[in-house]
Amino acid sequence: MKDDYLTIEFDSEVIECPCGSGKKPKKCCGEMKPRTYSISMDKRNYYESDGISFNKEGSLMRNVGGELLPIIGQTTLSYGYNRPKGKKILLSGNANGDFLMDAESVLQDYDNLFAIDTNTKSINGNDISVSVVVHAYVEKTGQGFDLNFVAMKAFEFWNVSGSPERLGWYVMINALMSNEAHQHKHTGIIVDSDLNSLESINLQHECVLNDLLLPESYKLIYASSDLSSNGANKLIKYCDKRANEVLEYIRENPSEDNLLLSEVYPCEYFRQWQFNE
């Protein structure tokens, strides 16, 4: 599949500090490494055009006979920076070519958008994992779009057999698929683990867990919690914070473990939390 795709990479200086101050990084939170953009696209964009370029709005286009036309097929944008031990990816997902140079473009094409993050801590001799799910709402505006979100649920797993992150995805996706309101919508799910497996899962070459293939209308998007200036990264950072809060509550309230269910998933115990906000 990768043989059918062309990848281009380039660096871009960070002009404004990611904290949102509007100042140059050097005069705010400190000098930052150049960001590296990696764009994978259908090779037909190379063979069936006179070149690839950006228009004045910063969108990626193909030049055909002097006319700028939209990119053919699906594009994937990865965004990060280089470091001695290897590239750090901050964001990676399918992107709308019309907005490709905006890191937020990986969020703009979805009817439904969710984020999930899983944290694990050892509490009283047990490895307890909590996956927090948020539902995001993207509203397009004249200057881009606004991103609002609400925390939905948390899944609590004790002593997971395998990957706690994958188990969290598995429970969430099954819940969405069982709800008619979410079954056939173009759905993006933001995660922060298994980056090297996401393309294979998105193409249905690899199962999420057990025999669950990701539905064709669903896509996994990678975002790191190391950055909070972009929408996807903010969502993961928020999930991370709420998961730690739930874990701390569990640590401080051990008497409530009588509410746990057993033999539900590949873990010792399971419990679901509902957020009221």
Protein backbone atom coordinates (compact mmCIF):
# COMPACT_ATOMS: atom_id res chain seq x y z
CA MET A 1 0.00 0.00 0.00
CA LYS A 2 2.82 2.42 0.86
CA ASP A 3 4.24 1.93 -2.66
CA ASP A 4 1.20 3.79 -3.99
CA TYR A 5 2.01 6.87 -1.90
CA LEU A 6 4.47 9.74 -2.23
CA THR A 7 5.82 11.43 0.92
CA ILE A 8 7.24 14.94 1.08
CA GLU A 9 8.87 16.51 4.13
CA PHE A 10 9.90 20.04 5.04
CA ASP A 11 10.74 22.10 8.11
CA SER A 12 8.97 25.23 9.26
CA GLU A 13 10.07 27.68 11.93
CA VAL A 14 7.68 28.21 14.86
CA ILE A 15 6.61 31.84 14.38
CA GLU A 16 4.18 32.15 17.30
CA CYS A 17 4.54 30.55 20.73
CA PRO A 18 2.20 27.52 21.11
CA CYS A 19 1.00 28.88 24.49
CA GLY A 20 -1.31 31.24 22.58
CA SER A 21 0.33 34.52 23.64
CA GLY A 22 0.89 35.60 20.04
CA LYS A 23 4.53 36.38 20.84
CA LYS A 24 7.60 34.84 19.23
CA PRO A 25 8.70 31.72 21.18
CA LYS A 26 12.11 33.25 21.99
CA LYS A 27 10.40 36.16 23.78
CA CYS A 28 7.82 34.01 25.53
CA CYS A 29 8.25 30.35 26.58
CA GLY A 30 11.66 29.92 24.99
CA GLU A 31 13.15 29.12 21.59
CA MET A 32 11.58 26.09 19.92
CA LYS A 33 12.89 23.55 17.43
CA PRO A 34 11.66 23.86 13.82
CA ARG A 35 8.56 21.76 13.18
CA THR A 36 8.78 19.03 10.58
CA TYR A 37 5.78 18.36 8.35
CA SER A 38 5.46 15.03 6.55
CA ILE A 39 2.71 14.70 3.94
CA SER A 40 1.85 11.37 2.29
CA MET A 41 -0.34 11.45 -0.78
CA ASP A 42 -1.48 9.35 -3.71
CA LYS A 43 1.33 9.09 -6.31
CA ARG A 44 -1.12 10.10 -9.02
CA ASN A 45 -0.66 13.66 -7.74
CA TYR A 46 2.93 13.42 -9.00
CA TYR A 47 2.36 11.57 -12.28
CA GLU A 48 -0.84 13.36 -13.32
CA SER A 49 0.24 16.95 -12.68
CA ASP A 50 3.02 19.38 -13.53
CA GLY A 51 4.01 19.80 -9.91
CA ILE A 52 2.83 20.18 -6.33
CA SER A 53 2.59 23.61 -4.73
CA PHE A 54 0.85 25.64 -2.04
CA ASN A 55 -1.64 28.37 -2.84
CA LYS A 56 -1.65 31.73 -1.05
CA GLU A 57 -3.90 30.32 1.70
CA GLY A 58 -1.33 27.62 2.43
CA SER A 59 -3.36 24.74 1.01
CA LEU A 60 -1.60 21.95 -0.88
CA MET A 61 -2.56 21.89 -4.57
CA ARG A 62 -1.45 20.22 -7.81
CA ASN A 63 -0.56 22.29 -10.86
CA VAL A 64 -2.12 21.05 -14.11
CA GLY A 65 -1.52 23.22 -17.20
CA GLY A 66 -1.09 26.31 -15.07
CA GLU A 67 -4.29 25.69 -13.10
CA LEU A 68 -4.24 24.81 -9.40
CA LEU A 69 -6.46 21.81 -8.68
CA PRO A 70 -7.31 19.85 -5.51
CA ILE A 71 -5.10 16.95 -4.43
CA ILE A 72 -6.21 13.49 -5.61
CA GLY A 73 -7.21 10.96 -2.97
CA GLN A 74 -6.49 10.83 0.72
CA THR A 75 -3.57 12.67 2.29
CA THR A 76 -1.96 12.03 5.67
CA LEU A 77 -0.29 14.77 7.68
CA SER A 78 2.32 14.12 10.38
CA TYR A 79 3.65 17.02 12.42
CA GLY A 80 6.51 17.06 14.92
CA TYR A 81 10.18 17.87 15.39
CA ASN A 82 13.56 16.18 15.11
CA ARG A 83 15.60 15.18 18.17
CA PRO A 84 18.79 13.11 18.70
CA LYS A 85 16.95 9.88 19.54
CA GLY A 86 14.57 10.19 16.59
CA LYS A 87 11.64 12.25 15.36
CA LYS A 88 8.97 13.19 17.90
CA ILE A 89 5.50 13.03 16.35
CA LEU A 90 3.01 15.45 17.88
CA LEU A 91 0.08 14.86 15.52
CA SER A 92 -0.70 12.42 12.70
CA GLY A 93 -3.90 11.73 10.80
CA ASN A 94 -5.84 11.92 7.55
CA ALA A 95 -6.06 15.50 6.35
CA ASN A 96 -8.22 17.65 4.13
CA GLY A 97 -5.98 18.95 1.34
CA ASP A 98 -7.80 22.30 1.37
CA PHE A 99 -6.45 23.00 4.86
CA LEU A 100 -3.37 20.81 4.87
CA MET A 101 -0.91 23.33 6.26
CA ASP A 102 -3.07 23.93 9.31
CA ALA A 103 -2.26 21.26 11.91
CA GLU A 104 -5.95 21.32 12.83
CA SER A 105 -6.89 20.07 9.36
CA VAL A 106 -6.87 16.46 10.57
CA LEU A 107 -10.02 17.26 12.59
CA GLN A 108 -12.12 19.10 10.04
CA ASP A 109 -13.59 16.31 7.93
CA TYR A 110 -15.34 14.27 10.62
CA ASP A 111 -19.04 14.17 11.48
CA ASN A 112 -18.14 12.74 14.88
CA LEU A 113 -14.98 13.36 16.87
CA PHE A 114 -13.82 11.64 20.07
CA ALA A 115 -10.63 11.40 22.08
CA ILE A 116 -9.54 8.69 24.50
CA ASP A 117 -6.51 8.39 26.75
CA THR A 118 -5.57 5.63 29.21
CA ASN A 119 -3.41 5.95 32.32
CA THR A 120 -2.31 3.11 34.59
CA LYS A 121 -1.17 3.22 38.23
CA SER A 122 -0.33 0.61 40.83
CA ILE A 123 -2.83 0.91 43.70
CA ASN A 124 -2.72 -1.48 46.66
CA GLY A 125 -0.90 -4.11 44.62
CA ASN A 126 -3.16 -3.89 41.57
CA ASP A 127 -2.44 -2.29 38.18
CA ILE A 128 -5.52 -0.13 37.65
CA SER A 129 -6.08 1.50 34.25
CA VAL A 130 -8.55 4.28 33.51
CA SER A 131 -9.57 5.30 29.97
CA VAL A 132 -11.31 8.67 29.68
CA VAL A 133 -13.47 9.45 26.63
CA VAL A 134 -14.46 12.94 25.46
CA HIS A 135 -16.84 13.93 22.66
CA ALA A 136 -15.67 16.95 20.67
CA TYR A 137 -17.72 19.35 18.58
CA VAL A 138 -16.11 21.19 15.67
CA GLU A 139 -17.77 24.39 14.50
CA LYS A 140 -16.39 26.06 11.40
CA THR A 141 -15.95 29.82 11.59
CA GLY A 142 -14.73 32.51 9.21
CA GLN A 143 -11.26 32.28 10.72
CA GLY A 144 -11.01 28.50 10.97
CA PHE A 145 -13.02 26.58 13.53
CA ASP A 146 -13.85 26.37 17.22
CA LEU A 147 -13.41 23.13 19.15
CA ASN A 148 -15.62 22.40 22.13
CA PHE A 149 -15.81 19.13 24.04
CA VAL A 150 -17.45 17.36 26.95
CA ALA A 151 -16.18 14.43 29.02
CA MET A 152 -18.45 11.42 28.52
CA LYS A 153 -17.23 8.29 30.29
CA ALA A 154 -14.32 6.62 32.00
CA PHE A 155 -13.58 2.89 31.84
CA GLU A 156 -11.77 1.31 34.78
CA PHE A 157 -9.81 -1.91 34.27
CA TRP A 158 -7.90 -3.95 36.87
CA ASN A 159 -4.84 -6.00 35.92
CA VAL A 160 -5.37 -5.98 32.16
CA SER A 161 -4.17 -8.94 30.09
CA GLY A 162 -2.47 -7.14 27.22
CA SER A 163 -2.59 -3.45 26.29
CA PRO A 164 -4.79 -1.23 28.51
CA GLU A 165 -4.85 1.39 25.73
CA ARG A 166 -6.16 -1.08 23.14
CA LEU A 167 -8.74 -2.39 25.61
CA GLY A 168 -9.99 1.17 26.15
CA TRP A 169 -10.33 1.65 22.38
CA TYR A 170 -12.10 -1.71 22.08
CA VAL A 171 -14.73 -0.86 24.71
CA MET A 172 -15.28 2.63 23.30
CA ILE A 173 -15.63 1.53 19.66
CA ASN A 174 -18.04 -1.26 20.56
CA ALA A 175 -20.13 1.23 22.53
CA LEU A 176 -20.23 3.64 19.56
CA MET A 177 -21.12 0.87 17.12
CA SER A 178 -24.02 -0.25 19.30
CA ASN A 179 -25.49 3.26 19.26
CA GLU A 180 -27.46 4.04 16.07
CA ALA A 181 -26.54 7.73 16.35
CA HIS A 182 -22.84 6.87 15.80
CA GLN A 183 -22.89 3.74 13.64
CA HIS A 184 -22.45 5.14 10.14
CA LYS A 185 -21.04 8.62 10.72
CA HIS A 186 -17.55 9.55 9.56
CA THR A 187 -15.88 9.30 12.96
CA GLY A 188 -12.43 10.36 14.11
CA ILE A 189 -10.97 8.92 17.32
CA ILE A 190 -7.91 10.70 18.74
CA VAL A 191 -5.46 8.43 20.60
CA ASP A 192 -1.92 8.81 21.94
CA SER A 193 -0.39 5.34 21.63
CA ASP A 194 0.49 2.65 19.05
CA LEU A 195 1.49 5.24 16.44
CA ASN A 196 3.23 2.63 14.28
CA SER A 197 0.07 0.47 14.14
CA LEU A 198 -2.51 3.17 13.36
CA GLU A 199 -2.17 3.06 9.57
CA SER A 200 -2.61 -0.73 9.58
CA ILE A 201 -5.65 -0.47 11.87
CA ASN A 202 -7.18 2.31 9.77
CA LEU A 203 -6.77 0.17 6.63
CA GLN A 204 -8.38 -2.83 8.42
CA HIS A 205 -5.16 -4.83 8.05
CA GLU A 206 -4.91 -5.18 11.83
CA CYS A 207 -7.59 -5.63 14.49
CA VAL A 208 -8.05 -3.13 17.28
CA LEU A 209 -8.27 -6.01 19.74
CA ASN A 210 -9.41 -9.62 19.48
CA ASP A 211 -11.37 -9.83 16.20
CA LEU A 212 -12.61 -6.21 16.13
CA LEU A 213 -11.75 -4.43 12.88
CA LEU A 214 -12.14 -0.66 12.85
CA PRO A 215 -15.33 0.22 10.90
CA GLU A 216 -14.66 1.70 7.46
CA SER A 217 -16.22 5.02 8.44
CA TYR A 218 -13.91 5.33 11.49
CA LYS A 219 -10.33 6.59 11.59
CA LEU A 220 -7.77 6.74 14.38
CA ILE A 221 -5.79 9.99 14.74
CA TYR A 222 -2.57 10.22 16.73
CA ALA A 223 -1.89 13.16 19.05
CA SER A 224 0.70 13.54 21.78
CA SER A 225 -0.11 15.09 25.16
CA ASP A 226 3.31 16.82 25.03
CA LEU A 227 1.74 19.75 23.18
CA SER A 228 -1.39 21.71 24.05
CA SER A 229 -1.58 24.39 21.34
CA ASN A 230 -3.51 22.27 18.80
CA GLY A 231 -7.04 20.96 19.26
CA ALA A 232 -6.22 17.25 19.08
CA ASN A 233 -3.36 17.61 21.55
CA LYS A 234 -5.53 19.63 23.93
CA LEU A 235 -8.13 16.86 23.93
CA ILE A 236 -5.56 14.18 24.75
CA LYS A 237 -4.03 16.36 27.48
CA TYR A 238 -7.50 16.85 28.99
CA CYS A 239 -8.23 13.09 28.91
CA ASP A 240 -4.87 12.45 30.56
CA LYS A 241 -5.69 14.89 33.37
CA ARG A 242 -9.16 13.45 34.00
CA ALA A 243 -7.83 9.87 33.98
CA ASN A 244 -5.34 10.81 36.71
CA GLU A 245 -8.16 12.41 38.71
CA VAL A 246 -10.25 9.24 38.54
CA LEU A 247 -7.24 7.13 39.53
CA GLU A 248 -6.61 9.37 42.53
CA TYR A 249 -10.27 9.05 43.56
CA ILE A 250 -9.99 5.25 43.33
CA ARG A 251 -6.86 5.35 45.48
CA GLU A 252 -8.64 7.42 48.14
CA ASN A 253 -11.91 5.42 48.10
CA PRO A 254 -11.00 1.71 48.19
CA SER A 255 -14.31 0.79 49.85
CA GLU A 256 -16.13 1.40 46.55
CA ASP A 257 -14.45 -1.56 44.87
CA ASN A 258 -17.58 -3.60 45.66
CA LEU A 259 -19.07 -1.97 42.54
CA LEU A 260 -16.61 -3.71 40.23
CA LEU A 261 -17.70 -6.28 37.65
CA SER A 262 -15.70 -9.41 36.83
CA GLU A 263 -15.36 -11.58 33.69
CA VAL A 264 -16.49 -8.78 31.37
CA TYR A 265 -13.26 -8.00 29.48
CA PRO A 266 -9.70 -9.42 29.46
CA CYS A 267 -9.00 -7.95 32.88
CA GLU A 268 -9.73 -8.92 36.47
CA TYR A 269 -12.39 -6.28 37.13
CA PHE A 270 -14.22 -3.57 35.19
CA ARG A 271 -16.23 -0.49 36.09
CA GLN A 272 -17.72 2.34 34.02
CA TRP A 273 -17.86 5.92 35.20
CA GLN A 274 -20.25 8.57 33.90
CA PHE A 275 -19.30 12.25 33.97
CA ASN A 276 -22.08 14.72 34.76
CA GLU A 277 -21.00 17.89 32.97
